[in-house]
PDB file of all heavy atoms in Angstrom:
ATOM      1  N   PRO A   1     -16.694   1.714   0.743  1.00  0.00           N
ATOM      2  CA  PRO A   1     -16.169   1.738   2.121  1.00  0.00           C
ATOM      3  C   PRO A   1     -15.859   0.332   2.547  1.00  0.00           C
ATOM      4  O   PRO A   1     -16.589  -0.623   2.323  1.00  0.00           O
ATOM      5  CB  PRO A   1     -17.368   2.322   2.956  1.00  0.00           C
ATOM      6  CG  PRO A   1     -18.169   3.120   1.946  1.00  0.00           C
ATOM      7  CD  PRO A   1     -18.017   2.354   0.646  1.00  0.00           C
ATOM      8  N   GLY A   2     -14.742   0.167   3.224  1.00  0.00           N
ATOM      9  CA  GLY A   2     -14.379  -1.137   3.752  1.00  0.00           C
ATOM     10  C   GLY A   2     -13.439  -1.908   2.846  1.00  0.00           C
ATOM     11  O   GLY A   2     -12.803  -2.886   3.319  1.00  0.00           O
ATOM     12  N   PHE A   3     -13.329  -1.567   1.580  1.00  0.00           N
ATOM     13  CA  PHE A   3     -12.480  -2.360   0.682  1.00  0.00           C
ATOM     14  C   PHE A   3     -10.995  -2.200   1.058  1.00  0.00           C
ATOM     15  O   PHE A   3     -10.239  -3.196   1.049  1.00  0.00           O
ATOM     16  CB  PHE A   3     -12.697  -1.873  -0.764  1.00  0.00           C
ATOM     17  CG  PHE A   3     -11.882  -2.670  -1.788  1.00  0.00           C
ATOM     18  CD1 PHE A   3     -12.333  -3.895  -2.213  1.00  0.00           C
ATOM     19  CD2 PHE A   3     -10.683  -2.202  -2.298  1.00  0.00           C
ATOM     20  CE1 PHE A   3     -11.597  -4.677  -3.161  1.00  0.00           C
ATOM     21  CE2 PHE A   3      -9.943  -2.929  -3.198  1.00  0.00           C
ATOM     22  CZ  PHE A   3     -10.423  -4.168  -3.633  1.00  0.00           C
ATOM     23  N   LEU A   4     -10.595  -0.990   1.450  1.00  0.00           N
ATOM     24  CA  LEU A   4      -9.201  -0.769   1.849  1.00  0.00           C
ATOM     25  C   LEU A   4      -8.848  -1.665   3.070  1.00  0.00           C
ATOM     26  O   LEU A   4      -7.818  -2.314   3.075  1.00  0.00           O
ATOM     27  CB  LEU A   4      -8.986   0.668   2.126  1.00  0.00           C
ATOM     28  CG  LEU A   4      -7.609   1.023   2.774  1.00  0.00           C
ATOM     29  CD1 LEU A   4      -6.474   0.655   1.803  1.00  0.00           C
ATOM     30  CD2 LEU A   4      -7.577   2.510   3.096  1.00  0.00           C
ATOM     31  N   GLN A   5      -9.770  -1.695   4.079  1.00  0.00           N
ATOM     32  CA  GLN A   5      -9.517  -2.486   5.225  1.00  0.00           C
ATOM     33  C   GLN A   5      -9.451  -3.990   4.911  1.00  0.00           C
ATOM     34  O   GLN A   5      -8.589  -4.707   5.442  1.00  0.00           O
ATOM     35  CB  GLN A   5     -10.600  -2.205   6.309  1.00  0.00           C
ATOM     36  CG  GLN A   5     -10.523  -0.844   6.977  1.00  0.00           C
ATOM     37  CD  GLN A   5     -10.970   0.278   6.004  1.00  0.00           C
ATOM     38  OE1 GLN A   5     -11.689   0.042   5.070  1.00  0.00           O
ATOM     39  NE2 GLN A   5     -10.509   1.465   6.366  1.00  0.00           N
ATOM     40  N   ASP A   6     -10.356  -4.428   4.031  1.00  0.00           N
ATOM     41  CA  ASP A   6     -10.383  -5.835   3.639  1.00  0.00           C
ATOM     42  C   ASP A   6      -9.080  -6.197   2.930  1.00  0.00           C
ATOM     43  O   ASP A   6      -8.492  -7.293   3.162  1.00  0.00           O
ATOM     44  CB  ASP A   6     -11.590  -6.131   2.723  1.00  0.00           C
ATOM     45  CG  ASP A   6     -12.891  -6.062   3.501  1.00  0.00           C
ATOM     46  OD1 ASP A   6     -12.879  -6.073   4.727  1.00  0.00           O
ATOM     47  OD2 ASP A   6     -13.946  -6.041   2.806  1.00  0.00           O
ATOM     48  N   MET A   7      -8.638  -5.322   2.033  1.00  0.00           N
ATOM     49  CA  MET A   7      -7.431  -5.614   1.251  1.00  0.00           C
ATOM     50  C   MET A   7      -6.161  -5.595   2.157  1.00  0.00           C
ATOM     51  O   MET A   7      -5.297  -6.363   2.007  1.00  0.00           O
ATOM     52  CB  MET A   7      -7.296  -4.610   0.105  1.00  0.00           C
ATOM     53  CG  MET A   7      -6.253  -4.967  -0.914  1.00  0.00           C
ATOM     54  SD  MET A   7      -6.496  -6.613  -1.678  1.00  0.00           S
ATOM     55  CE  MET A   7      -8.167  -6.434  -2.321  1.00  0.00           C
ATOM     56  N   THR A   8      -6.185  -4.655   3.116  1.00  0.00           N
ATOM     57  CA  THR A   8      -5.059  -4.599   4.039  1.00  0.00           C
ATOM     58  C   THR A   8      -4.943  -5.894   4.854  1.00  0.00           C
ATOM     59  O   THR A   8      -3.848  -6.479   4.981  1.00  0.00           O
ATOM     60  CB  THR A   8      -5.259  -3.421   5.043  1.00  0.00           C
ATOM     61  OG1 THR A   8      -5.332  -2.200   4.316  1.00  0.00           O
ATOM     62  CG2 THR A   8      -4.073  -3.325   6.005  1.00  0.00           C
ATOM     63  N   ALA A   9      -6.094  -6.344   5.350  1.00  0.00           N
ATOM     64  CA  ALA A   9      -6.103  -7.610   6.134  1.00  0.00           C
ATOM     65  C   ALA A   9      -5.652  -8.769   5.291  1.00  0.00           C
ATOM     66  O   ALA A   9      -4.910  -9.638   5.755  1.00  0.00           O
ATOM     67  CB  ALA A   9      -7.498  -7.821   6.733  1.00  0.00           C
ATOM     68  N   PHE A  10      -6.111  -8.832   4.015  1.00  0.00           N
ATOM     69  CA  PHE A  10      -5.811  -9.963   3.179  1.00  0.00           C
ATOM     70  C   PHE A  10      -4.304 -10.015   2.811  1.00  0.00           C
ATOM     71  O   PHE A  10      -3.670 -11.057   2.850  1.00  0.00           O
ATOM     72  CB  PHE A  10      -6.680  -9.932   1.920  1.00  0.00           C
ATOM     73  CG  PHE A  10      -6.581 -11.203   1.093  1.00  0.00           C
ATOM     74  CD1 PHE A  10      -7.176 -12.364   1.536  1.00  0.00           C
ATOM     75  CD2 PHE A  10      -5.880 -11.246  -0.103  1.00  0.00           C
ATOM     76  CE1 PHE A  10      -7.072 -13.527   0.794  1.00  0.00           C
ATOM     77  CE2 PHE A  10      -5.769 -12.388  -0.852  1.00  0.00           C
ATOM     78  CZ  PHE A  10      -6.371 -13.542  -0.395  1.00  0.00           C
ATOM     79  N   ILE A  11      -3.791  -8.843   2.447  1.00  0.00           N
ATOM     80  CA  ILE A  11      -2.370  -8.771   2.084  1.00  0.00           C
ATOM     81  C   ILE A  11      -1.494  -9.114   3.293  1.00  0.00           C
ATOM     82  O   ILE A  11      -0.473  -9.803   3.208  1.00  0.00           O
ATOM     83  CB  ILE A  11      -2.025  -7.438   1.480  1.00  0.00           C
ATOM     84  CG1 ILE A  11      -2.621  -7.320   0.042  1.00  0.00           C
ATOM     85  CG2 ILE A  11      -0.535  -7.195   1.436  1.00  0.00           C
ATOM     86  CD1 ILE A  11      -2.418  -6.043  -0.645  1.00  0.00           C
ATOM     87  N   ASN A  12      -1.895  -8.621   4.488  1.00  0.00           N
ATOM     88  CA  ASN A  12      -1.140  -8.934   5.695  1.00  0.00           C
ATOM     89  C   ASN A  12      -1.148 -10.449   5.932  1.00  0.00           C
ATOM     90  O   ASN A  12      -0.127 -11.005   6.328  1.00  0.00           O
ATOM     91  CB  ASN A  12      -1.716  -8.204   6.885  1.00  0.00           C
ATOM     92  CG  ASN A  12      -1.293  -6.749   6.934  1.00  0.00           C
ATOM     93  OD1 ASN A  12      -0.294  -6.378   6.348  1.00  0.00           O
ATOM     94  ND2 ASN A  12      -2.069  -5.935   7.640  1.00  0.00           N
ATOM     95  N   GLU A  13      -2.301 -11.069   5.691  1.00  0.00           N
ATOM     96  CA  GLU A  13      -2.397 -12.485   5.938  1.00  0.00           C
ATOM     97  C   GLU A  13      -1.488 -13.265   4.925  1.00  0.00           C
ATOM     98  O   GLU A  13      -0.865 -14.261   5.301  1.00  0.00           O
ATOM     99  CB  GLU A  13      -3.835 -12.960   5.819  1.00  0.00           C
ATOM    100  CG  GLU A  13      -4.060 -14.419   6.185  1.00  0.00           C
ATOM    101  CD  GLU A  13      -5.497 -14.804   6.312  1.00  0.00           C
ATOM    102  OE1 GLU A  13      -6.369 -13.915   6.248  1.00  0.00           O
ATOM    103  OE2 GLU A  13      -5.800 -16.014   6.447  1.00  0.00           O
ATOM    104  N   LEU A  14      -1.503 -12.814   3.674  1.00  0.00           N
ATOM    105  CA  LEU A  14      -0.632 -13.420   2.688  1.00  0.00           C
ATOM    106  C   LEU A  14       0.812 -13.345   3.140  1.00  0.00           C
ATOM    107  O   LEU A  14       1.557 -14.338   3.141  1.00  0.00           O
ATOM    108  CB  LEU A  14      -0.778 -12.731   1.326  1.00  0.00           C
ATOM    109  CG  LEU A  14      -2.095 -12.968   0.560  1.00  0.00           C
ATOM    110  CD1 LEU A  14      -2.123 -12.072  -0.697  1.00  0.00           C
ATOM    111  CD2 LEU A  14      -2.214 -14.434   0.148  1.00  0.00           C
ATOM    112  N   LYS A  15       1.252 -12.132   3.516  1.00  0.00           N
ATOM    113  CA  LYS A  15       2.667 -11.944   3.879  1.00  0.00           C
ATOM    114  C   LYS A  15       3.018 -12.718   5.171  1.00  0.00           C
ATOM    115  O   LYS A  15       4.138 -13.257   5.303  1.00  0.00           O
ATOM    116  CB  LYS A  15       2.957 -10.428   4.039  1.00  0.00           C
ATOM    117  CG  LYS A  15       2.736  -9.664   2.741  1.00  0.00           C
ATOM    118  CD  LYS A  15       3.088  -8.204   2.856  1.00  0.00           C
ATOM    119  CE  LYS A  15       4.587  -8.006   2.689  1.00  0.00           C
ATOM    120  NZ  LYS A  15       4.962  -6.589   2.514  1.00  0.00           N
ATOM    121  N   GLU A  16       2.095 -12.767   6.129  1.00  0.00           N
ATOM    122  CA  GLU A  16       2.363 -13.444   7.358  1.00  0.00           C
ATOM    123  C   GLU A  16       2.510 -14.973   7.128  1.00  0.00           C
ATOM    124  O   GLU A  16       3.168 -15.648   7.913  1.00  0.00           O
ATOM    125  CB  GLU A  16       1.218 -13.184   8.370  1.00  0.00           C
ATOM    126  CG  GLU A  16       1.310 -11.804   8.990  1.00  0.00           C
ATOM    127  CD  GLU A  16       0.050 -11.462   9.746  1.00  0.00           C
ATOM    128  OE1 GLU A  16      -0.858 -12.336   9.854  1.00  0.00           O
ATOM    129  OE2 GLU A  16      -0.036 -10.345  10.301  1.00  0.00           O
ATOM    130  N   ASN A  17       1.901 -15.443   6.036  1.00  0.00           N
ATOM    131  CA  ASN A  17       1.979 -16.856   5.706  1.00  0.00           C
ATOM    132  C   ASN A  17       2.985 -17.130   4.556  1.00  0.00           C
ATOM    133  O   ASN A  17       2.946 -18.156   3.918  1.00  0.00           O
ATOM    134  CB  ASN A  17       0.602 -17.418   5.366  1.00  0.00           C
ATOM    135  CG  ASN A  17      -0.259 -17.612   6.581  1.00  0.00           C
ATOM    136  OD1 ASN A  17      -0.129 -18.550   7.333  1.00  0.00           O
ATOM    137  ND2 ASN A  17      -1.143 -16.627   6.825  1.00  0.00           N
ATOM    138  N   ASP A  18       3.883 -16.153   4.437  1.00  0.00           N
ATOM    139  CA  ASP A  18       5.011 -16.299   3.485  1.00  0.00           C
ATOM    140  C   ASP A  18       4.622 -16.435   2.032  1.00  0.00           C
ATOM    141  O   ASP A  18       5.243 -17.195   1.282  1.00  0.00           O
ATOM    142  CB  ASP A  18       5.905 -17.450   3.952  1.00  0.00           C
ATOM    143  CG  ASP A  18       7.384 -17.240   3.575  1.00  0.00           C
ATOM    144  OD1 ASP A  18       7.740 -16.066   3.329  1.00  0.00           O
ATOM    145  OD2 ASP A  18       8.132 -18.202   3.568  1.00  0.00           O
ATOM    146  N   ILE A  19       3.542 -15.764   1.631  1.00  0.00           N
ATOM    147  CA  ILE A  19       3.125 -15.767   0.206  1.00  0.00           C
ATOM    148  C   ILE A  19       3.388 -14.378  -0.348  1.00  0.00           C
ATOM    149  O   ILE A  19       2.817 -13.378   0.080  1.00  0.00           O
ATOM    150  CB  ILE A  19       1.603 -16.096   0.139  1.00  0.00           C
ATOM    151  CG1 ILE A  19       1.349 -17.467   0.708  1.00  0.00           C
ATOM    152  CG2 ILE A  19       1.181 -16.069  -1.350  1.00  0.00           C
ATOM    153  CD1 ILE A  19      -0.124 -17.785   0.759  1.00  0.00           C
ATOM    154  N   ASP A  20       4.316 -14.296  -1.271  1.00  0.00           N
ATOM    155  CA  ASP A  20       4.701 -13.039  -1.902  1.00  0.00           C
ATOM    156  C   ASP A  20       3.907 -12.854  -3.211  1.00  0.00           C
ATOM    157  O   ASP A  20       3.049 -13.669  -3.607  1.00  0.00           O
ATOM    158  CB  ASP A  20       6.169 -12.909  -2.132  1.00  0.00           C
ATOM    159  CG  ASP A  20       6.729 -14.053  -3.001  1.00  0.00           C
ATOM    160  OD1 ASP A  20       5.930 -14.731  -3.659  1.00  0.00           O
ATOM    161  OD2 ASP A  20       7.979 -14.208  -3.060  1.00  0.00           O
ATOM    162  N   CYS A  21       4.239 -11.750  -3.930  1.00  0.00           N
ATOM    163  CA  CYS A  21       3.524 -11.489  -5.180  1.00  0.00           C
ATOM    164  C   CYS A  21       3.684 -12.622  -6.174  1.00  0.00           C
ATOM    165  O   CYS A  21       2.710 -13.022  -6.856  1.00  0.00           O
ATOM    166  CB  CYS A  21       4.051 -10.188  -5.790  1.00  0.00           C
ATOM    167  SG  CYS A  21       3.531  -8.721  -4.992  1.00  0.00           S
ATOM    168  N   GLY A  22       4.888 -13.172  -6.281  1.00  0.00           N
ATOM    169  CA  GLY A  22       5.128 -14.264  -7.242  1.00  0.00           C
ATOM    170  C   GLY A  22       4.332 -15.490  -6.867  1.00  0.00           C
ATOM    171  O   GLY A  22       3.749 -16.178  -7.771  1.00  0.00           O
ATOM    172  N   GLY A  23       4.240 -15.797  -5.576  1.00  0.00           N
ATOM    173  CA  GLY A  23       3.478 -16.935  -5.158  1.00  0.00           C
ATOM    174  C   GLY A  23       1.969 -16.773  -5.436  1.00  0.00           C
ATOM    175  O   GLY A  23       1.298 -17.716  -5.854  1.00  0.00           O
ATOM    176  N   LEU A  24       1.459 -15.573  -5.208  1.00  0.00           N
ATOM    177  CA  LEU A  24       0.067 -15.309  -5.469  1.00  0.00           C
ATOM    178  C   LEU A  24      -0.239 -15.391  -6.959  1.00  0.00           C
ATOM    179  O   LEU A  24      -1.276 -15.958  -7.382  1.00  0.00           O
ATOM    180  CB  LEU A  24      -0.349 -13.921  -4.958  1.00  0.00           C
ATOM    181  CG  LEU A  24      -1.800 -13.508  -5.105  1.00  0.00           C
ATOM    182  CD1 LEU A  24      -2.730 -14.515  -4.399  1.00  0.00           C
ATOM    183  CD2 LEU A  24      -2.034 -12.096  -4.601  1.00  0.00           C
ATOM    184  N   GLU A  25       0.668 -14.874  -7.796  1.00  0.00           N
ATOM    185  CA  GLU A  25       0.473 -14.944  -9.228  1.00  0.00           C
ATOM    186  C   GLU A  25       0.475 -16.380  -9.720  1.00  0.00           C
ATOM    187  O   GLU A  25      -0.331 -16.729 -10.630  1.00  0.00           O
ATOM    188  CB  GLU A  25       1.593 -14.196  -9.932  1.00  0.00           C
ATOM    189  CG  GLU A  25       1.406 -14.035 -11.453  1.00  0.00           C
ATOM    190  CD  GLU A  25       2.477 -13.144 -12.074  1.00  0.00           C
ATOM    191  OE1 GLU A  25       3.588 -13.120 -11.541  1.00  0.00           O
ATOM    192  OE2 GLU A  25       2.162 -12.488 -13.066  1.00  0.00           O
TER     193      GLU A  25
END
């Protein structure tokens, strides 16, 4: 429980700061 919410928040933060899949890789 909670992993989905944590991952949602983290991915949103990545995208809001202009970090895409390629940048994360």
